[in-house]
Amino acid sequence: MEPEELFFRAFRYGDFDIAELSFNSFLMQTSRDRCPYVAIPAFVSRHFRHSCLFIRTDRGIQTPRDLKGKLVGLPEYQQTANVWMRGILKDEYDVDPADIRWRTGGQEESGRDERTPLSLPAGVELQAIPADKTLNKMLADGELDAVFSARELSCYVKGTPNIGLMFPNFREVESDYYRRTKIFPMMHLIGIKKALVERYPWLPATLYKAFCQAKEVALREMAEQAVARLTLPWPEVNLQDAKELMGADFWRYGISESAHEIETLVRYSVDQGLAARKLALNEIFHPSVFEISRT
């Protein structure tokens, strides 16, 4: 199912024994001792996010600093993609979350709200858009100056006038960001119900090994040229580009292998008033996966 439904059901109702989870929502719940899941470091979703800042091109927005004072929409404030975007804006461009006026709501369908309650720092302006409106239409109509979203906006895809990207050359910008920071932002991880782990303490390590093996199969098949596994031209070129920039293990699993990126997301979540406290790595991941994180 789509992440929006999956995460809502996982965190609101605990519907699944094992589930892909929003990393930041997991941090929020765990920091408040409310999370029914324990994690393994299989980061099945990673994505650079400079490509996800959609702007009105008629508002004088030339650089991220021009977003100060602007009205910016996002589907959910706590969405991991948006946590990374705000953190990057602050670290790289000196734009604090309190510098922007935030509006949340459905992107293409009205009525969306935060999956878990928020209590943000003083000075951060966050309001819901009217229940009958969408972020996409509000940006197209000029009621918003920008929208941050993990999904492409339909108004951008359709070429609506005055809609563009903050970073049209996002691949170049993201490559430079990685060279300097060595961060490939992780979006999701895998959670296992704590009650299930109590019954089957071997499960986290076994499941993590299975995800590592599955990743190796995927990467091996991706490199196969005799029979294309991806419906894209030149997949081998993109694969080689990724390896040259990021190394052979460009899609890292594991705790020590990704510690800098994990700790950065934890810092962003705490700084933005989302996670209640800074979590140590051993509070996030099951103890058994530390021993095999390099296998």
C-alpha atoms as a PDB file:
ATOM      1  CA  MET A   1       0.000   0.000   0.000  1.00  0.00           C
ATOM      2  CA  GLU A   2       1.020   3.627  -0.319  1.00  0.00           C
ATOM      3  CA  PRO A   3       3.112   5.117   2.522  1.00  0.00           C
ATOM      4  CA  GLU A   4       0.381   7.528   3.604  1.00  0.00           C
ATOM      5  CA  GLU A   5      -2.050   4.709   4.428  1.00  0.00           C
ATOM      6  CA  LEU A   6       0.640   2.346   5.706  1.00  0.00           C
ATOM      7  CA  PHE A   7       2.147   4.798   8.185  1.00  0.00           C
ATOM      8  CA  PHE A   8      -1.214   6.063   9.389  1.00  0.00           C
ATOM      9  CA  ARG A   9      -2.406   2.546  10.175  1.00  0.00           C
ATOM     10  CA  ALA A  10       0.904   1.427  11.652  1.00  0.00           C
ATOM     11  CA  PHE A  11       1.267   4.329  14.098  1.00  0.00           C
ATOM     12  CA  ARG A  12      -2.380   5.105  14.818  1.00  0.00           C
ATOM     13  CA  TYR A  13      -3.638   1.536  15.200  1.00  0.00           C
ATOM     14  CA  GLY A  14      -0.606  -0.777  15.196  1.00  0.00           C
ATOM     15  CA  ASP A  15      -2.197  -2.837  12.442  1.00  0.00           C
ATOM     16  CA  PHE A  16       0.922  -4.710  11.297  1.00  0.00           C
ATOM     17  CA  ASP A  17       3.339  -7.193  12.873  1.00  0.00           C
ATOM     18  CA  ILE A  18       6.183  -6.061  10.588  1.00  0.00           C
ATOM     19  CA  ALA A  19       6.030  -2.874   8.558  1.00  0.00           C
ATOM     20  CA  GLU A  20       7.977  -0.288   6.649  1.00  0.00           C
ATOM     21  CA  LEU A  21       7.826   2.838   8.818  1.00  0.00           C
ATOM     22  CA  SER A  22       8.435   6.556   8.523  1.00  0.00           C
ATOM     23  CA  PHE A  23      11.795   7.047  10.226  1.00  0.00           C
ATOM     24  CA  ASN A  24      10.871  10.358  11.855  1.00  0.00           C
ATOM     25  CA  SER A  25       7.468   9.206  13.077  1.00  0.00           C
ATOM     26  CA  PHE A  26       9.245   6.207  14.586  1.00  0.00           C
ATOM     27  CA  LEU A  27      11.698   8.551  16.351  1.00  0.00           C
ATOM     28  CA  MET A  28       8.855  10.705  17.658  1.00  0.00           C
ATOM     29  CA  GLN A  29       6.925   7.774  19.088  1.00  0.00           C
ATOM     30  CA  THR A  30      10.005   6.027  20.486  1.00  0.00           C
ATOM     31  CA  SER A  31      11.245   9.189  22.216  1.00  0.00           C
ATOM     32  CA  ARG A  32       7.928   9.298  24.081  1.00  0.00           C
ATOM     33  CA  ASP A  33       7.909   5.558  24.848  1.00  0.00           C
ATOM     34  CA  ARG A  34       4.765   5.140  22.776  1.00  0.00           C
ATOM     35  CA  CYS A  35       6.043   3.138  19.831  1.00  0.00           C
ATOM     36  CA  PRO A  36       4.800  -0.454  19.494  1.00  0.00           C
ATOM     37  CA  TYR A  37       7.710  -1.267  17.163  1.00  0.00           C
ATOM     38  CA  VAL A  38      11.440  -1.871  17.453  1.00  0.00           C
ATOM     39  CA  ALA A  39      13.584  -1.183  14.374  1.00  0.00           C
ATOM     40  CA  ILE A  40      16.148  -2.957  12.253  1.00  0.00           C
ATOM     41  CA  PRO A  41      18.576  -0.891  10.114  1.00  0.00           C
ATOM     42  CA  ALA A  42      17.201  -1.896   6.718  1.00  0.00           C
ATOM     43  CA  PHE A  43      16.736   1.524   5.128  1.00  0.00           C
ATOM     44  CA  VAL A  44      14.498   0.509   2.270  1.00  0.00           C
ATOM     45  CA  SER A  45      13.791   4.098   1.240  1.00  0.00           C
ATOM     46  CA  ARG A  46      16.435   6.785   0.764  1.00  0.00           C
ATOM     47  CA  HIS A  47      16.116   9.929  -1.310  1.00  0.00           C
ATOM     48  CA  PHE A  48      17.911  13.210  -1.783  1.00  0.00           C
ATOM     49  CA  ARG A  49      15.342  15.952  -1.224  1.00  0.00           C
ATOM     50  CA  HIS A  50      16.608  19.072  -2.980  1.00  0.00           C
ATOM     51  CA  SER A  51      14.343  18.013  -5.856  1.00  0.00           C
ATOM     52  CA  CYS A  52      11.222  18.273  -3.683  1.00  0.00           C
ATOM     53  CA  LEU A  53      10.984  22.044  -3.138  1.00  0.00           C
ATOM     54  CA  PHE A  54       8.304  23.361  -5.508  1.00  0.00           C
ATOM     55  CA  ILE A  55       8.017  27.141  -5.776  1.00  0.00           C
ATOM     56  CA  ARG A  56       6.073  29.937  -7.416  1.00  0.00           C
ATOM     57  CA  THR A  57       8.504  31.426  -9.917  1.00  0.00           C
ATOM     58  CA  ASP A  58       6.746  34.815  -9.748  1.00  0.00           C
ATOM     59  CA  ARG A  59       7.517  35.501  -6.054  1.00  0.00           C
ATOM     60  CA  GLY A  60      11.159  36.485  -6.290  1.00  0.00           C
ATOM     61  CA  ILE A  61      12.385  33.178  -4.868  1.00  0.00           C
ATOM     62  CA  GLN A  62      15.892  32.788  -6.262  1.00  0.00           C
ATOM     63  CA  THR A  63      17.660  31.075  -3.345  1.00  0.00           C
ATOM     64  CA  PRO A  64      16.462  29.179  -0.254  1.00  0.00           C
ATOM     65  CA  ARG A  65      17.000  32.331   1.827  1.00  0.00           C
ATOM     66  CA  ASP A  66      14.205  33.963  -0.170  1.00  0.00           C
ATOM     67  CA  LEU A  67      11.768  31.544   1.534  1.00  0.00           C
ATOM     68  CA  LYS A  68      12.038  33.567   4.754  1.00  0.00           C
ATOM     69  CA  GLY A  69       8.626  35.018   5.546  1.00  0.00           C
ATOM     70  CA  LYS A  70       6.959  33.025   2.757  1.00  0.00           C
ATOM     71  CA  LEU A  71       3.864  30.836   3.017  1.00  0.00           C
ATOM     72  CA  VAL A  72       4.960  27.224   2.450  1.00  0.00           C
ATOM     73  CA  GLY A  73       2.715  24.176   2.332  1.00  0.00           C
ATOM     74  CA  LEU A  74       3.536  20.581   3.204  1.00  0.00           C
ATOM     75  CA  PRO A  75       1.418  17.427   3.509  1.00  0.00           C
ATOM     76  CA  GLU A  76       2.646  16.752   7.064  1.00  0.00           C
ATOM     77  CA  TYR A  77       5.112  18.715   9.163  1.00  0.00           C
ATOM     78  CA  GLN A  78       6.468  15.519  10.715  1.00  0.00           C
ATOM     79  CA  GLN A  79       6.981  13.735   7.372  1.00  0.00           C
ATOM     80  CA  THR A  80      10.582  12.492   7.237  1.00  0.00           C
ATOM     81  CA  ALA A  81      11.204  14.101   3.853  1.00  0.00           C
ATOM     82  CA  ASN A  82      10.180  17.484   5.271  1.00  0.00           C
ATOM     83  CA  VAL A  83      12.319  17.011   8.389  1.00  0.00           C
ATOM     84  CA  TRP A  84      15.321  16.507   6.123  1.00  0.00           C
ATOM     85  CA  MET A  85      14.388  19.510   3.947  1.00  0.00           C
ATOM     86  CA  ARG A  86      14.072  21.838   6.921  1.00  0.00           C
ATOM     87  CA  GLY A  87      17.296  20.523   8.449  1.00  0.00           C
ATOM     88  CA  ILE A  88      19.188  20.997   5.201  1.00  0.00           C
ATOM     89  CA  LEU A  89      17.798  24.513   4.810  1.00  0.00           C
ATOM     90  CA  LYS A  90      19.062  25.416   8.275  1.00  0.00           C
ATOM     91  CA  ASP A  91      22.471  23.729   8.001  1.00  0.00           C
ATOM     92  CA  GLU A  92      23.237  24.743   4.431  1.00  0.00           C
ATOM     93  CA  TYR A  93      21.382  28.033   3.927  1.00  0.00           C
ATOM     94  CA  ASP A  94      20.755  29.490   7.421  1.00  0.00           C
ATOM     95  CA  VAL A  95      16.961  29.272   7.051  1.00  0.00           C
ATOM     96  CA  ASP A  96      15.363  28.357  10.381  1.00  0.00           C
ATOM     97  CA  PRO A  97      11.925  26.660  10.520  1.00  0.00           C
ATOM     98  CA  ALA A  98      10.642  29.699  12.429  1.00  0.00           C
ATOM     99  CA  ASP A  99      11.576  31.899   9.443  1.00  0.00           C
ATOM    100  CA  ILE A 100       8.816  30.322   7.326  1.00  0.00           C
ATOM    101  CA  ARG A 101       5.021  30.339   7.714  1.00  0.00           C
ATOM    102  CA  TRP A 102       3.906  26.705   7.362  1.00  0.00           C
ATOM    103  CA  ARG A 103       0.580  25.325   6.127  1.00  0.00           C
ATOM    104  CA  THR A 104      -0.368  21.627   6.144  1.00  0.00           C
ATOM    105  CA  GLY A 105      -3.039  19.655   4.338  1.00  0.00           C
ATOM    106  CA  GLY A 106      -3.778  17.220   1.571  1.00  0.00           C
ATOM    107  CA  GLN A 107      -1.589  17.479  -1.490  1.00  0.00           C
ATOM    108  CA  GLU A 108      -3.975  16.295  -4.182  1.00  0.00           C
ATOM    109  CA  GLU A 109      -6.957  15.335  -1.991  1.00  0.00           C
ATOM    110  CA  SER A 110      -8.357  17.496   0.794  1.00  0.00           C
ATOM    111  CA  GLY A 111      -8.679  16.496   4.426  1.00  0.00           C
ATOM    112  CA  ARG A 112      -5.229  15.169   5.371  1.00  0.00           C
ATOM    113  CA  ASP A 113      -3.874  15.819   8.871  1.00  0.00           C
ATOM    114  CA  GLU A 114      -0.849  14.875  10.982  1.00  0.00           C
ATOM    115  CA  ARG A 115      -0.654  11.164  11.810  1.00  0.00           C
ATOM    116  CA  THR A 116       0.483  11.889  15.388  1.00  0.00           C
ATOM    117  CA  PRO A 117      -0.061  15.054  17.503  1.00  0.00           C
ATOM    118  CA  LEU A 118       2.550  17.819  17.434  1.00  0.00           C
ATOM    119  CA  SER A 119       3.808  20.330  19.996  1.00  0.00           C
ATOM    120  CA  LEU A 120       6.228  22.635  18.198  1.00  0.00           C
ATOM    121  CA  PRO A 121       8.692  25.201  19.587  1.00  0.00           C
ATOM    122  CA  ALA A 122       7.538  28.739  20.206  1.00  0.00           C
ATOM    123  CA  GLY A 123       7.838  30.923  17.152  1.00  0.00           C
ATOM    124  CA  VAL A 124       7.001  28.223  14.599  1.00  0.00           C
ATOM    125  CA  GLU A 125       3.802  29.121  12.741  1.00  0.00           C
ATOM    126  CA  LEU A 126       1.929  26.016  11.607  1.00  0.00           C
ATOM    127  CA  GLN A 127      -1.699  26.043  10.496  1.00  0.00           C
ATOM    128  CA  ALA A 128      -3.935  23.661   8.583  1.00  0.00           C
ATOM    129  CA  ILE A 129      -5.277  24.777   5.227  1.00  0.00           C
ATOM    130  CA  PRO A 130      -9.076  24.909   4.803  1.00  0.00           C
ATOM    131  CA  ALA A 131     -10.583  21.413   4.790  1.00  0.00           C
ATOM    132  CA  ASP A 132     -11.915  21.791   1.242  1.00  0.00           C
ATOM    133  CA  LYS A 133      -8.587  22.895  -0.310  1.00  0.00           C
ATOM    134  CA  THR A 134      -5.422  21.128  -1.478  1.00  0.00           C
ATOM    135  CA  LEU A 135      -1.801  22.213  -1.482  1.00  0.00           C
ATOM    136  CA  ASN A 136      -1.519  21.568  -5.200  1.00  0.00           C
ATOM    137  CA  LYS A 137      -4.371  23.874  -6.145  1.00  0.00           C
ATOM    138  CA  MET A 138      -3.366  26.541  -3.635  1.00  0.00           C
ATOM    139  CA  LEU A 139       0.119  26.698  -5.162  1.00  0.00           C
ATOM    140  CA  ALA A 140      -1.303  26.752  -8.702  1.00  0.00           C
ATOM    141  CA  ASP A 141      -3.733  29.536  -7.698  1.00  0.00           C
ATOM    142  CA  GLY A 142      -1.020  31.578  -5.991  1.00  0.00           C
ATOM    143  CA  GLU A 143      -2.327  31.143  -2.443  1.00  0.00           C
ATOM    144  CA  LEU A 144       0.981  29.560  -1.404  1.00  0.00           C
ATOM    145  CA  ASP A 145       4.513  30.612  -2.275  1.00  0.00           C
ATOM    146  CA  ALA A 146       5.987  27.095  -2.193  1.00  0.00           C
ATOM    147  CA  VAL A 147       5.231  23.484  -1.311  1.00  0.00           C
ATOM    148  CA  PHE A 148       7.619  20.909   0.141  1.00  0.00           C
ATOM    149  CA  SER A 149       6.566  17.376  -0.725  1.00  0.00           C
ATOM    150  CA  ALA A 150       8.030  13.915  -1.234  1.00  0.00           C
ATOM    151  CA  ARG A 151       5.645  13.479  -4.167  1.00  0.00           C
ATOM    152  CA  GLU A 152       5.655  15.541  -7.339  1.00  0.00           C
ATOM    153  CA  LEU A 153       2.818  18.041  -7.511  1.00  0.00           C
ATOM    154  CA  SER A 154       0.441  17.524 -10.408  1.00  0.00           C
ATOM    155  CA  CYS A 155       0.547  21.238 -11.240  1.00  0.00           C
ATOM    156  CA  TYR A 156       4.314  20.931 -11.735  1.00  0.00           C
ATOM    157  CA  VAL A 157       4.005  17.751 -13.820  1.00  0.00           C
ATOM    158  CA  LYS A 158       1.397  19.424 -16.040  1.00  0.00           C
ATOM    159  CA  GLY A 159       3.576  22.483 -16.593  1.00  0.00           C
ATOM    160  CA  THR A 160       1.261  24.971 -14.888  1.00  0.00           C
ATOM    161  CA  PRO A 161       2.560  28.537 -15.423  1.00  0.00           C
ATOM    162  CA  ASN A 162       4.722  30.016 -12.668  1.00  0.00           C
ATOM    163  CA  ILE A 163       5.396  26.631 -11.010  1.00  0.00           C
ATOM    164  CA  GLY A 164       8.998  25.418 -10.817  1.00  0.00           C
ATOM    165  CA  LEU A 165      11.709  23.908  -8.645  1.00  0.00           C
ATOM    166  CA  MET A 166      13.905  25.666  -6.142  1.00  0.00           C
ATOM    167  CA  PHE A 167      16.781  23.625  -7.572  1.00  0.00           C
ATOM    168  CA  PRO A 168      16.175  22.889 -11.275  1.00  0.00           C
ATOM    169  CA  ASN A 169      19.684  21.378 -11.373  1.00  0.00           C
ATOM    170  CA  PHE A 170      18.917  19.203  -8.357  1.00  0.00           C
ATOM    171  CA  ARG A 171      21.129  16.277  -9.395  1.00  0.00           C
ATOM    172  CA  GLU A 172      24.167  18.533  -9.487  1.00  0.00           C
ATOM    173  CA  VAL A 173      23.210  20.142  -6.153  1.00  0.00           C
ATOM    174  CA  GLU A 174      22.501  16.794  -4.500  1.00  0.00           C
ATOM    175  CA  SER A 175      25.755  15.276  -5.755  1.00  0.00           C
ATOM    176  CA  ASP A 176      27.685  18.221  -4.311  1.00  0.00           C
ATOM    177  CA  TYR A 177      25.764  17.869  -1.036  1.00  0.00           C
ATOM    178  CA  TYR A 178      26.766  14.202  -0.794  1.00  0.00           C
ATOM    179  CA  ARG A 179      30.438  14.900  -1.576  1.00  0.00           C
ATOM    180  CA  ARG A 180      30.564  17.410   1.268  1.00  0.00           C
ATOM    181  CA  THR A 181      28.410  15.662   3.883  1.00  0.00           C
ATOM    182  CA  LYS A 182      28.421  11.947   2.956  1.00  0.00           C
ATOM    183  CA  ILE A 183      24.683  11.983   3.740  1.00  0.00           C
ATOM    184  CA  PHE A 184      22.217  10.019   1.616  1.00  0.00           C
ATOM    185  CA  PRO A 185      19.010  10.766   3.555  1.00  0.00           C
ATOM    186  CA  MET A 186      17.089   7.734   4.743  1.00  0.00           C
ATOM    187  CA  MET A 187      13.312   8.026   4.764  1.00  0.00           C
ATOM    188  CA  HIS A 188      12.036   4.679   6.032  1.00  0.00           C
ATOM    189  CA  LEU A 189      13.165   1.716   8.095  1.00  0.00           C
ATOM    190  CA  ILE A 190      11.618  -1.611   9.084  1.00  0.00           C
ATOM    191  CA  GLY A 191       9.746  -2.019  12.360  1.00  0.00           C
ATOM    192  CA  ILE A 192       8.757  -5.205  14.178  1.00  0.00           C
ATOM    193  CA  LYS A 193       6.091  -5.336  16.853  1.00  0.00           C
ATOM    194  CA  LYS A 194       7.726  -5.454  20.292  1.00  0.00           C
ATOM    195  CA  ALA A 195       5.206  -8.050  21.446  1.00  0.00           C
ATOM    196  CA  LEU A 196       6.270 -10.300  18.566  1.00  0.00           C
ATOM    197  CA  VAL A 197       9.969  -9.854  19.384  1.00  0.00           C
ATOM    198  CA  GLU A 198       9.303 -10.858  22.989  1.00  0.00           C
ATOM    199  CA  ARG A 199       7.890 -14.155  21.712  1.00  0.00           C
ATOM    200  CA  TYR A 200      10.547 -14.663  19.028  1.00  0.00           C
ATOM    201  CA  PRO A 201      13.780 -12.915  20.128  1.00  0.00           C
ATOM    202  CA  TRP A 202      15.655 -14.306  17.107  1.00  0.00           C
ATOM    203  CA  LEU A 203      13.315 -12.511  14.684  1.00  0.00           C
ATOM    204  CA  PRO A 204      15.021  -9.074  14.323  1.00  0.00           C
ATOM    205  CA  ALA A 205      18.439 -10.483  13.404  1.00  0.00           C
ATOM    206  CA  THR A 206      16.959 -13.077  11.064  1.00  0.00           C
ATOM    207  CA  LEU A 207      14.746 -10.523   9.334  1.00  0.00           C
ATOM    208  CA  TYR A 208      17.618  -8.072   8.996  1.00  0.00           C
ATOM    209  CA  LYS A 209      19.775 -10.750   7.352  1.00  0.00           C
ATOM    210  CA  ALA A 210      16.935 -11.453   4.910  1.00  0.00           C
ATOM    211  CA  PHE A 211      16.689  -7.775   3.959  1.00  0.00           C
ATOM    212  CA  CYS A 212      20.462  -7.600   3.432  1.00  0.00           C
ATOM    213  CA  GLN A 213      20.316 -10.676   1.190  1.00  0.00           C
ATOM    214  CA  ALA A 214      17.387  -9.217  -0.756  1.00  0.00           C
ATOM    215  CA  LYS A 215      19.328  -5.995  -1.326  1.00  0.00           C
ATOM    216  CA  GLU A 216      22.286  -7.957  -2.684  1.00  0.00           C
ATOM    217  CA  VAL A 217      19.992  -9.802  -5.091  1.00  0.00           C
ATOM    218  CA  ALA A 218      18.491  -6.505  -6.292  1.00  0.00           C
ATOM    219  CA  LEU A 219      21.880  -4.865  -6.843  1.00  0.00           C
ATOM    220  CA  ARG A 220      23.243  -7.904  -8.645  1.00  0.00           C
ATOM    221  CA  GLU A 221      20.237  -8.018 -10.956  1.00  0.00           C
ATOM    222  CA  MET A 222      20.409  -4.280 -11.529  1.00  0.00           C
ATOM    223  CA  ALA A 223      23.907  -4.692 -12.934  1.00  0.00           C
ATOM    224  CA  GLU A 224      22.872  -7.485 -15.303  1.00  0.00           C
ATOM    225  CA  GLN A 225      23.126  -6.286 -18.915  1.00  0.00           C
ATOM    226  CA  ALA A 226      22.045  -9.430 -20.775  1.00  0.00           C
ATOM    227  CA  VAL A 227      18.451  -9.053 -19.572  1.00  0.00           C
ATOM    228  CA  ALA A 228      17.437  -5.615 -18.320  1.00  0.00           C
ATOM    229  CA  ARG A 229      15.775  -5.656 -14.884  1.00  0.00           C
ATOM    230  CA  LEU A 230      14.755  -2.000 -15.012  1.00  0.00           C
ATOM    231  CA  THR A 231      12.472  -0.483 -17.622  1.00  0.00           C
ATOM    232  CA  LEU A 232      14.925   2.355 -18.200  1.00  0.00           C
ATOM    233  CA  PRO A 233      17.559   3.026 -20.851  1.00  0.00           C
ATOM    234  CA  TRP A 234      21.195   2.947 -19.670  1.00  0.00           C
ATOM    235  CA  PRO A 235      20.619   1.654 -16.128  1.00  0.00           C
ATOM    236  CA  GLU A 236      24.248   0.516 -16.032  1.00  0.00           C
ATOM    237  CA  VAL A 237      25.369   4.131 -16.544  1.00  0.00           C
ATOM    238  CA  ASN A 238      23.352   5.381 -13.565  1.00  0.00           C
ATOM    239  CA  LEU A 239      24.621   2.462 -11.487  1.00  0.00           C
ATOM    240  CA  GLN A 240      28.220   3.298 -12.313  1.00  0.00           C
ATOM    241  CA  ASP A 241      27.638   6.997 -11.587  1.00  0.00           C
ATOM    242  CA  ALA A 242      26.273   6.109  -8.138  1.00  0.00           C
ATOM    243  CA  LYS A 243      29.261   3.897  -7.365  1.00  0.00           C
ATOM    244  CA  GLU A 244      31.740   6.541  -8.479  1.00  0.00           C
ATOM    245  CA  LEU A 245      30.109   9.166  -6.266  1.00  0.00           C
ATOM    246  CA  MET A 246      29.145   7.069  -3.240  1.00  0.00           C
ATOM    247  CA  GLY A 247      31.165   3.857  -3.375  1.00  0.00           C
ATOM    248  CA  ALA A 248      30.161   0.276  -4.081  1.00  0.00           C
ATOM    249  CA  ASP A 249      27.828   0.159  -1.042  1.00  0.00           C
ATOM    250  CA  PHE A 250      25.910   3.262  -2.111  1.00  0.00           C
ATOM    251  CA  TRP A 251      22.624   2.067  -0.544  1.00  0.00           C
ATOM    252  CA  ARG A 252      23.894   1.298   2.926  1.00  0.00           C
ATOM    253  CA  TYR A 253      22.145  -0.832   5.505  1.00  0.00           C
ATOM    254  CA  GLY A 254      23.511  -1.208   9.011  1.00  0.00           C
ATOM    255  CA  ILE A 255      24.007   0.951  12.096  1.00  0.00           C
ATOM    256  CA  SER A 256      27.725   1.773  12.122  1.00  0.00           C
ATOM    257  CA  GLU A 257      27.643   2.081   8.332  1.00  0.00           C
ATOM    258  CA  SER A 258      24.970   4.806   8.553  1.00  0.00           C
ATOM    259  CA  ALA A 259      25.575   6.263  12.018  1.00  0.00           C
ATOM    260  CA  HIS A 260      26.336   9.796  10.801  1.00  0.00           C
ATOM    261  CA  GLU A 261      23.117   9.944   8.764  1.00  0.00           C
ATOM    262  CA  ILE A 262      21.007   8.458  11.581  1.00  0.00           C
ATOM    263  CA  GLU A 263      22.423  10.887  14.137  1.00  0.00           C
ATOM    264  CA  THR A 264      21.788  13.802  11.771  1.00  0.00           C
ATOM    265  CA  LEU A 265      18.115  12.881  11.410  1.00  0.00           C
ATOM    266  CA  VAL A 266      17.809  12.463  15.196  1.00  0.00           C
ATOM    267  CA  ARG A 267      19.310  15.936  15.647  1.00  0.00           C
ATOM    268  CA  TYR A 268      16.947  17.453  13.116  1.00  0.00           C
ATOM    269  CA  SER A 269      13.919  15.833  14.752  1.00  0.00           C
ATOM    270  CA  VAL A 270      14.870  17.097  18.216  1.00  0.00           C
ATOM    271  CA  ASP A 271      15.826  20.587  16.986  1.00  0.00           C
ATOM    272  CA  GLN A 272      12.496  20.901  15.172  1.00  0.00           C
ATOM    273  CA  GLY A 273      10.498  19.987  18.282  1.00  0.00           C
ATOM    274  CA  LEU A 274       9.342  16.625  16.949  1.00  0.00           C
ATOM    275  CA  ALA A 275      11.284  13.965  18.876  1.00  0.00           C
ATOM    276  CA  ALA A 276      10.988  14.605  22.607  1.00  0.00           C
ATOM    277  CA  ARG A 277      14.646  13.822  23.301  1.00  0.00           C
ATOM    278  CA  LYS A 278      17.837  12.689  21.626  1.00  0.00           C
ATOM    279  CA  LEU A 279      17.753   8.932  21.200  1.00  0.00           C
ATOM    280  CA  ALA A 280      20.864   6.776  21.389  1.00  0.00           C
ATOM    281  CA  LEU A 281      21.384   4.208  18.653  1.00  0.00           C
ATOM    282  CA  ASN A 282      20.685   1.353  21.077  1.00  0.00           C
ATOM    283  CA  GLU A 283      17.268   2.868  21.821  1.00  0.00           C
ATOM    284  CA  ILE A 284      16.340   2.863  18.137  1.00  0.00           C
ATOM    285  CA  PHE A 285      17.504  -0.571  17.015  1.00  0.00           C
ATOM    286  CA  HIS A 286      17.131  -4.044  18.487  1.00  0.00           C
ATOM    287  CA  PRO A 287      20.317  -5.209  20.278  1.00  0.00           C
ATOM    288  CA  SER A 288      20.729  -8.294  18.091  1.00  0.00           C
ATOM    289  CA  VAL A 289      21.325  -6.309  14.884  1.00  0.00           C
ATOM    290  CA  PHE A 290      24.385  -4.498  16.279  1.00  0.00           C
ATOM    291  CA  GLU A 291      26.319  -7.741  16.187  1.00  0.00           C
ATOM    292  CA  ILE A 292      25.612  -8.439  12.514  1.00  0.00           C
ATOM    293  CA  SER A 293      25.337  -4.941  11.071  1.00  0.00           C
ATOM    294  CA  ARG A 294      28.481  -5.465   9.001  1.00  0.00           C
ATOM    295  CA  THR A 295      27.509  -8.816   7.476  1.00  0.00           C
END
